[in-house]
Amino acid sequence: MFIDYTYEPRRAIFFEDVKSNYASIECVERGLHPLKSSLCVMSRSDHSYGLILASSPKFKEVFGKSNVSRAADLPFLLEKQKVLEQMGLFVTVGMGDNPLLAKLAMDNYAKHSATMRALIRYEDVPNKVWTLPKMTDFWGIGRRTEKRFNKLGIYSIKDLAHANPDRIKRKMGIVGLQQFFHAHGIDETNVREKHHKKSESYSNSQILPRDYVQQDEIELVIKEMAEHLAIRLRKGKKLAGGLSLYVKPSYKEDSSSIKTASKIEPTQSTTDIQSEFLRLFREKYHGEIVREIGIGGFDLSSENIKQLNLFETMLPNESQVITHQKQEALQDAIDEIRDKFDFTAIQKASVLTAGSRVLERNKMIGGHAAAGGEKNDR
């Protein structure tokens, strides 16, 4: 398929990235040179399959571990020098005719360049984009997406660029077709457009420290995360009208992730939310080994507004009212104790079992400490 780039916009797009950011910051904190010192940032040593979270260029060189314009005349590059002078951090710069090409230049070429900057124009696509060593070096293509392309006989970005776009769309949908055009360097994203905030939602996720094989252990983590979500809803004085669940299998599995959601009667009840998440999980789970779990609450509304369900009894009987009031009082009391002392001040005995993540994640920092430690987004 021939792509006529004369119809594509040419813009001056720049991407900046601090060279080995986390490792560089640790070097600066210790008075070390970010490029000349061998340093790595490791995950907690008590986790199986310990990860090198970040490493300096020198560390990568020593241990082999990882994770035609006059660019020098661009005034933009003065900012690069300013970052170095003021913060001691080295910045890599990717430049291109659009955001995609600038991003590819930064990720694949700038970090390996002596000047720590690189440029990709439309004319460079065959030589700089199609020649990427691995498909996963390309923006938006992960290991699972690569496998799907492989099943279509596509093993490189060049293969993708020369594939039949109709077949790709038929087999992989609009996302696959978008990757086809990306393989030609086409990206019409407008970085000047203002981001429109999505409807408010609460979500949290966590990568488990090991593969979870037993269903009861997986469900325990889901219940703990659901409890945290319910606490956030009550603190925010919100009700969730929908719940979403994401469960990613271990790399040992060749199965797809679980992605499911449901609309519910608006609630902030821990019991109700836990029950619905377990229902969603059991409906889709088929014995996979699990490594990552994410949950979310959406369609949020004020706790002061309760919509009537036409299929629900408008006047619940006295026992239902009493039960509901007792549950609310218990939840409020537990929340108050945790706010006053600590999230772990009052817990169920299940937190002492091997699969529980509450106590361990409550100790963590850097986005992993609040109320049980899940990574949160709003």
Protein backbone atom coordinates (compact mmCIF):
# COMPACT_ATOMS: atom_id res chain seq x y z
CA MET A 1 0.00 0.00 0.00
CA PHE A 2 1.45 3.37 -1.03
CA ILE A 3 1.31 6.18 1.53
CA ASP A 4 1.43 9.74 0.17
CA TYR A 5 2.99 11.78 2.97
CA THR A 6 2.28 15.07 1.18
CA TYR A 7 -1.18 14.94 2.73
CA GLU A 8 0.15 14.35 6.23
CA PRO A 9 0.86 17.30 8.54
CA ARG A 10 4.49 18.08 9.36
CA ARG A 11 4.87 19.44 12.85
CA ALA A 12 7.77 20.07 15.20
CA ILE A 13 7.08 17.52 17.92
CA PHE A 14 9.55 16.93 20.77
CA PHE A 15 9.51 14.26 23.46
CA GLU A 16 11.78 14.55 26.48
CA ASP A 17 12.74 11.78 28.86
CA VAL A 18 15.15 11.87 31.78
CA LYS A 19 17.94 9.40 31.09
CA SER A 20 17.31 6.39 33.38
CA ASN A 21 15.12 8.65 35.51
CA TYR A 22 14.78 6.78 38.82
CA ALA A 23 18.36 5.50 38.79
CA SER A 24 19.62 9.00 37.92
CA ILE A 25 17.69 10.55 40.82
CA GLU A 26 19.18 7.99 43.20
CA CYS A 27 22.66 8.80 41.85
CA VAL A 28 22.15 12.55 42.34
CA GLU A 29 20.88 11.93 45.90
CA ARG A 30 24.10 10.05 46.63
CA GLY A 31 26.39 12.55 44.92
CA LEU A 32 27.18 10.14 42.08
CA HIS A 33 27.42 10.90 38.36
CA PRO A 34 24.26 9.49 36.65
CA LEU A 35 26.13 8.35 33.53
CA LYS A 36 29.38 7.15 35.09
CA SER A 37 28.11 5.28 38.16
CA SER A 38 26.88 1.69 38.16
CA LEU A 39 23.64 1.69 40.14
CA CYS A 40 20.32 -0.12 39.98
CA VAL A 41 17.02 0.25 41.82
CA MET A 42 15.59 -3.11 42.89
CA SER A 43 12.14 -4.16 44.01
CA ARG A 44 11.78 -5.50 47.53
CA SER A 45 14.10 -8.42 48.19
CA ASP A 46 11.37 -10.52 49.81
CA HIS A 47 9.41 -10.68 46.56
CA SER A 48 9.93 -13.67 44.33
CA TYR A 49 11.18 -12.83 40.83
CA GLY A 50 12.82 -9.62 42.10
CA LEU A 51 12.80 -6.88 39.48
CA ILE A 52 15.40 -4.34 38.43
CA LEU A 53 13.07 -1.33 38.41
CA ALA A 54 15.65 1.09 37.03
CA SER A 55 19.35 1.04 36.23
CA SER A 56 21.97 3.56 35.20
CA PRO A 57 23.51 3.37 31.71
CA LYS A 58 26.81 2.23 33.25
CA PHE A 59 25.07 -0.59 35.10
CA LYS A 60 23.48 -1.77 31.84
CA GLU A 61 26.87 -1.63 30.15
CA VAL A 62 28.66 -3.59 32.89
CA PHE A 63 26.02 -6.19 33.66
CA GLY A 64 24.12 -6.32 30.37
CA LYS A 65 20.80 -5.81 32.12
CA SER A 66 17.97 -3.57 31.03
CA ASN A 67 14.70 -2.72 31.42
CA VAL A 68 19.04 15.54 8.50
CA SER A 69 18.17 18.84 10.48
CA ARG A 70 20.55 20.93 12.61
CA ALA A 71 19.05 19.79 15.87
CA ALA A 72 21.89 21.38 17.83
CA ASP A 73 20.73 24.83 16.74
CA LEU A 74 17.21 24.43 18.11
CA PRO A 75 16.65 26.77 21.08
CA PHE A 76 14.52 24.03 22.62
CA LEU A 77 17.71 22.14 23.47
CA LEU A 78 18.66 24.90 25.90
CA GLU A 79 16.01 23.41 28.19
CA LYS A 80 17.92 20.14 28.08
CA GLN A 81 21.04 21.91 29.34
CA LYS A 82 19.02 23.77 31.96
CA VAL A 83 17.68 20.50 33.39
CA LEU A 84 21.26 19.20 33.64
CA GLU A 85 22.58 22.35 35.31
CA GLN A 86 19.73 22.80 37.79
CA MET A 87 18.89 19.19 38.64
CA GLY A 88 21.89 17.14 37.54
CA LEU A 89 19.69 14.96 35.31
CA PHE A 90 20.45 14.03 31.71
CA VAL A 91 17.51 14.32 29.31
CA THR A 92 17.03 12.36 26.10
CA VAL A 93 15.09 14.11 23.32
CA GLY A 94 13.06 12.55 20.52
CA MET A 95 11.94 14.71 17.58
CA GLY A 96 9.63 13.97 14.68
CA ASP A 97 6.96 15.12 12.25
CA ASN A 98 4.27 13.86 14.64
CA PRO A 99 4.00 12.56 18.23
CA LEU A 100 4.42 8.92 17.18
CA LEU A 101 7.68 9.51 15.32
CA ALA A 102 9.01 11.71 18.12
CA LYS A 103 8.19 9.02 20.68
CA LEU A 104 9.84 6.28 18.58
CA ALA A 105 12.91 8.49 18.13
CA MET A 106 13.19 9.03 21.88
CA ASP A 107 12.62 5.40 22.90
CA ASN A 108 14.72 3.67 20.25
CA TYR A 109 17.42 6.08 19.12
CA ALA A 110 17.99 9.05 21.44
CA LYS A 111 18.94 6.91 24.42
CA HIS A 112 21.68 5.25 22.35
CA SER A 113 22.96 8.46 20.75
CA ALA A 114 26.06 10.29 21.95
CA THR A 115 24.08 13.55 21.83
CA MET A 116 21.09 11.90 23.54
CA ARG A 117 18.73 13.19 20.87
CA ALA A 118 17.31 11.76 17.66
CA LEU A 119 15.01 12.75 14.81
CA ILE A 120 12.62 10.72 12.63
CA ARG A 121 10.92 12.32 9.60
CA TYR A 122 8.41 10.67 7.27
CA GLU A 123 11.25 9.97 4.84
CA ASP A 124 13.05 8.01 7.57
CA VAL A 125 10.24 5.50 8.19
CA PRO A 126 11.68 2.67 6.00
CA ASN A 127 15.15 2.99 7.54
CA LYS A 128 14.31 3.82 11.15
CA VAL A 129 10.83 2.44 11.84
CA TRP A 130 10.63 -0.70 9.72
CA THR A 131 14.07 -1.80 10.93
CA LEU A 132 13.26 -1.89 14.65
CA PRO A 133 14.70 -5.19 15.97
CA LYS A 134 11.55 -6.31 17.79
CA MET A 135 7.87 -5.57 17.30
CA THR A 136 7.63 -4.80 21.01
CA ASP A 137 10.07 -1.90 20.46
CA PHE A 138 7.19 -0.19 18.67
CA TRP A 139 4.78 2.05 20.54
CA GLY A 140 1.55 0.26 21.53
CA ILE A 141 2.67 -3.30 20.76
CA GLY A 142 3.13 -5.54 23.78
CA ARG A 143 3.95 -9.21 24.01
CA ARG A 144 0.35 -10.37 23.61
CA THR A 145 -0.35 -8.08 20.66
CA GLU A 146 2.85 -9.32 19.05
CA LYS A 147 1.58 -12.90 19.36
CA ARG A 148 -1.67 -11.95 17.63
CA PHE A 149 0.28 -10.38 14.76
CA ASN A 150 2.51 -13.46 14.57
CA LYS A 151 -0.57 -15.63 14.03
CA LEU A 152 -1.31 -13.47 10.96
CA GLY A 153 2.20 -14.05 9.62
CA ILE A 154 3.43 -10.62 10.73
CA TYR A 155 6.81 -10.76 12.49
CA SER A 156 8.23 -7.25 12.05
CA ILE A 157 7.10 -3.65 11.69
CA LYS A 158 8.00 -3.88 8.01
CA ASP A 159 5.72 -6.92 7.68
CA LEU A 160 2.97 -4.94 9.38
CA ALA A 161 3.41 -1.97 7.03
CA HIS A 162 3.12 -4.26 3.99
CA ALA A 163 0.23 -6.38 5.27
CA ASN A 164 -3.34 -6.24 3.97
CA PRO A 165 -5.11 -3.55 6.06
CA ASP A 166 -8.55 -5.08 5.42
CA ARG A 167 -7.40 -8.42 6.83
CA ILE A 168 -5.82 -6.74 9.85
CA LYS A 169 -9.03 -4.85 10.61
CA ARG A 170 -11.09 -8.01 10.16
CA LYS A 171 -8.88 -10.00 12.54
CA MET A 172 -7.83 -7.35 15.08
CA GLY A 173 -10.37 -4.56 14.76
CA ILE A 174 -9.80 -0.82 14.68
CA VAL A 175 -6.80 -1.04 17.03
CA GLY A 176 -5.01 -3.36 14.61
CA LEU A 177 -5.77 -1.02 11.72
CA GLN A 178 -4.40 1.89 13.73
CA GLN A 179 -1.16 -0.05 14.23
CA PHE A 180 -0.99 -0.61 10.46
CA PHE A 181 -0.99 3.15 9.84
CA HIS A 182 1.42 3.67 12.74
CA ALA A 183 3.80 1.28 10.98
CA HIS A 184 3.80 3.80 8.11
CA GLY A 185 4.55 6.62 10.56
CA ILE A 186 1.03 8.05 10.35
CA ASP A 187 -0.28 9.67 13.54
CA GLU A 188 -2.83 12.48 13.47
CA THR A 189 -2.88 13.06 17.23
CA ASN A 190 -3.12 16.78 18.00
CA VAL A 191 -1.05 17.55 21.10
CA ARG A 192 -2.63 21.00 21.30
CA GLU A 193 -6.10 19.62 21.90
CA LYS A 194 -7.23 19.98 25.49
CA HIS A 195 -7.75 16.77 27.40
CA HIS A 196 -11.38 16.26 28.34
CA LYS A 197 -11.69 14.68 31.73
CA LYS A 198 -13.55 11.40 31.70
CA SER A 199 -16.45 10.79 34.00
CA GLU A 200 -15.23 10.45 37.57
CA SER A 201 -14.28 6.99 38.73
CA TYR A 202 -12.21 5.32 41.44
CA SER A 203 -9.82 2.53 40.56
CA ASN A 204 -6.84 0.68 41.96
CA SER A 205 -4.61 -2.13 40.79
CA GLN A 206 -1.66 -4.18 41.93
CA ILE A 207 0.91 -6.55 40.50
CA LEU A 208 1.11 -9.55 42.80
CA PRO A 209 4.53 -10.50 44.27
CA ARG A 210 4.21 -14.05 42.91
CA ASP A 211 1.94 -16.16 40.76
CA TYR A 212 -1.38 -16.81 42.50
CA VAL A 213 -2.58 -20.32 41.70
CA GLN A 214 -5.30 -20.97 44.28
CA GLN A 215 -8.72 -19.44 43.56
CA ASP A 216 -9.35 -18.68 47.23
CA GLU A 217 -6.14 -16.62 47.41
CA ILE A 218 -7.09 -14.67 44.29
CA GLU A 219 -10.56 -14.00 45.67
CA LEU A 220 -9.07 -12.86 48.98
CA VAL A 221 -7.05 -10.16 47.19
CA ILE A 222 -10.13 -9.10 45.20
CA LYS A 223 -12.13 -8.77 48.44
CA GLU A 224 -9.36 -6.72 50.06
CA MET A 225 -9.20 -4.38 47.08
CA ALA A 226 -13.01 -4.14 47.02
CA GLU A 227 -12.98 -3.12 50.67
CA HIS A 228 -10.46 -0.38 49.89
CA LEU A 229 -12.68 0.86 47.05
CA ALA A 230 -15.69 0.98 49.37
CA ILE A 231 -13.68 3.00 51.90
CA ARG A 232 -12.70 5.51 49.21
CA LEU A 233 -16.33 5.84 48.17
CA ARG A 234 -17.44 6.54 51.73
CA LYS A 235 -14.64 9.07 52.27
CA GLY A 236 -15.58 10.78 49.03
CA LYS A 237 -19.28 10.61 49.94
CA LYS A 238 -19.94 8.79 46.67
CA LEU A 239 -21.98 5.83 45.48
CA ALA A 240 -20.75 3.59 42.65
CA GLY A 241 -23.29 2.71 39.97
CA GLY A 242 -20.94 0.34 38.16
CA LEU A 243 -17.98 -1.93 38.87
CA SER A 244 -15.17 -3.11 36.60
CA LEU A 245 -12.72 -5.97 37.09
CA TYR A 246 -9.41 -6.68 35.35
CA VAL A 247 -7.42 -9.86 36.00
CA LYS A 248 -4.18 -10.47 34.11
CA PRO A 249 -2.77 -14.00 33.95
CA SER A 250 0.83 -14.95 34.65
CA TYR A 251 3.36 -14.86 31.82
CA LYS A 252 3.34 -18.64 32.11
CA GLU A 253 -0.24 -18.62 30.82
CA ASP A 254 -1.18 -18.32 27.17
CA SER A 255 -4.67 -17.05 27.96
CA SER A 256 -6.33 -13.66 27.69
CA SER A 257 -6.94 -11.25 30.56
CA ILE A 258 -10.32 -11.09 32.24
CA LYS A 259 -12.01 -7.77 31.52
CA THR A 260 -15.57 -7.44 32.74
CA ALA A 261 -17.95 -4.88 34.23
CA SER A 262 -21.50 -4.53 35.47
CA LYS A 263 -24.05 -1.89 36.34
CA ILE A 264 -25.30 -2.07 39.91
CA GLU A 265 -27.68 -0.31 42.24
CA PRO A 266 -25.58 2.67 43.47
CA THR A 267 -23.80 1.68 46.67
CA GLN A 268 -20.80 2.27 48.92
CA SER A 269 -21.36 -0.87 50.98
CA THR A 270 -18.28 -3.06 51.45
CA THR A 271 -20.38 -6.23 51.53
CA ASP A 272 -22.34 -5.38 48.37
CA ILE A 273 -19.23 -4.38 46.42
CA GLN A 274 -17.25 -7.45 47.49
CA SER A 275 -20.12 -9.75 46.52
CA GLU A 276 -20.46 -8.22 43.05
CA PHE A 277 -16.72 -8.39 42.33
CA LEU A 278 -16.65 -12.06 43.34
CA ARG A 279 -19.63 -12.74 41.08
CA LEU A 280 -17.89 -11.04 38.14
CA PHE A 281 -14.69 -12.98 38.79
CA ARG A 282 -16.30 -16.40 39.14
CA GLU A 283 -18.30 -15.83 35.99
CA LYS A 284 -15.13 -15.42 33.87
CA TYR A 285 -12.46 -17.37 35.76
CA HIS A 286 -11.36 -20.75 34.38
CA GLY A 287 -8.44 -21.71 36.61
CA GLU A 288 -5.77 -19.37 35.18
CA ILE A 289 -2.65 -18.51 37.19
CA VAL A 290 -2.96 -14.81 38.10
CA ARG A 291 -0.29 -12.09 38.47
CA GLU A 292 -2.16 -8.74 38.30
CA ILE A 293 -5.56 -7.52 39.50
CA GLY A 294 -7.35 -4.22 38.94
CA ILE A 295 -10.77 -3.04 40.06
CA GLY A 296 -12.79 0.12 39.53
CA GLY A 297 -15.98 1.88 40.52
CA PHE A 298 -17.64 4.15 37.96
CA ASP A 299 -20.88 6.08 37.36
CA LEU A 300 -20.32 7.82 40.68
CA SER A 301 -23.06 9.86 42.29
CA SER A 302 -23.48 11.75 45.55
CA GLU A 303 -24.42 9.62 48.54
CA ASN A 304 -27.21 12.13 49.20
CA ILE A 305 -28.94 11.22 45.93
CA LYS A 306 -30.63 7.83 45.71
CA GLN A 307 -32.40 6.87 42.47
CA LEU A 308 -35.45 4.69 42.83
CA ASN A 309 -35.41 1.33 41.09
CA LEU A 310 -38.84 0.58 39.58
CA PHE A 311 -38.32 -3.11 40.32
CA GLU A 312 -37.34 -2.49 43.95
CA THR A 313 -39.80 -2.25 46.81
CA MET A 314 -40.08 1.45 47.54
CA LEU A 315 -40.85 0.85 51.20
CA PRO A 316 -38.56 -1.89 52.56
CA ASN A 317 -39.78 -3.84 55.55
CA GLU A 318 -38.60 -2.98 59.05
CA SER A 319 -36.06 -5.83 59.29
CA GLN A 320 -34.37 -4.71 56.06
CA VAL A 321 -34.08 -1.17 57.37
CA ILE A 322 -32.59 -2.35 60.67
CA THR A 323 -30.08 -4.64 58.92
CA HIS A 324 -29.00 -1.84 56.58
CA GLN A 325 -28.62 0.61 59.47
CA LYS A 326 -26.50 -1.89 61.43
CA GLN A 327 -24.21 -2.46 58.43
CA GLU A 328 -23.76 1.27 57.92
CA ALA A 329 -23.05 1.83 61.62
CA LEU A 330 -20.46 -0.97 61.61
CA GLN A 331 -18.75 0.39 58.49
CA ASP A 332 -18.68 3.91 59.93
CA ALA A 333 -17.17 2.64 63.21
CA ILE A 334 -14.44 0.68 61.41
CA ASP A 335 -13.64 3.66 59.15
CA GLU A 336 -13.38 5.95 62.19
CA ILE A 337 -10.95 3.61 63.98
CA ARG A 338 -8.75 3.32 60.89
CA ASP A 339 -8.74 7.08 60.35
CA LYS A 340 -7.75 7.70 63.95
CA PHE A 341 -5.05 5.05 64.26
CA ASP A 342 -4.01 3.15 61.12
CA PHE A 343 -5.59 1.15 58.33
CA THR A 344 -4.30 -2.05 59.92
CA ALA A 345 -5.70 -1.15 63.37
CA ILE A 346 -8.73 -3.34 62.74
CA GLN A 347 -8.63 -6.21 60.26
CA LYS A 348 -10.12 -9.61 59.61
CA ALA A 349 -8.11 -12.72 60.53
CA SER A 350 -7.72 -13.45 56.81
CA VAL A 351 -4.97 -10.80 56.57
CA LEU A 352 -2.68 -13.29 58.35
CA THR A 353 -3.03 -15.89 55.61
CA ALA A 354 -0.37 -16.40 52.94
CA GLY A 355 -2.36 -14.86 50.09
CA SER A 356 -3.30 -11.60 51.82
CA ARG A 357 -1.67 -8.38 50.61
CA VAL A 358 -3.04 -5.91 53.19
CA LEU A 359 -0.27 -5.87 55.80
CA GLU A 360 2.58 -5.98 53.29
CA ARG A 361 1.26 -3.28 50.98
CA ASN A 362 0.35 -1.02 53.87
CA LYS A 363 4.10 -0.65 54.57
CA MET A 364 4.98 0.50 51.06
CA ILE A 365 5.62 4.04 49.84
CA GLY A 366 5.80 5.80 46.50
CA GLY A 367 2.15 5.52 45.54
CA HIS A 368 1.60 2.23 47.38
CA ALA A 369 0.77 3.10 50.96
CA ALA A 370 -2.70 4.56 51.42
CA ALA A 371 -5.35 2.27 52.84
CA GLY A 372 -3.85 -1.01 51.87
CA GLY A 373 -1.43 0.19 49.28
CA GLU A 374 -3.04 -0.28 45.91
CA LYS A 375 -2.05 1.99 43.06
CA ASN A 376 -4.87 4.50 42.77
CA ASP A 377 -6.29 6.60 39.96
CA ARG A 378 -9.23 8.97 39.80
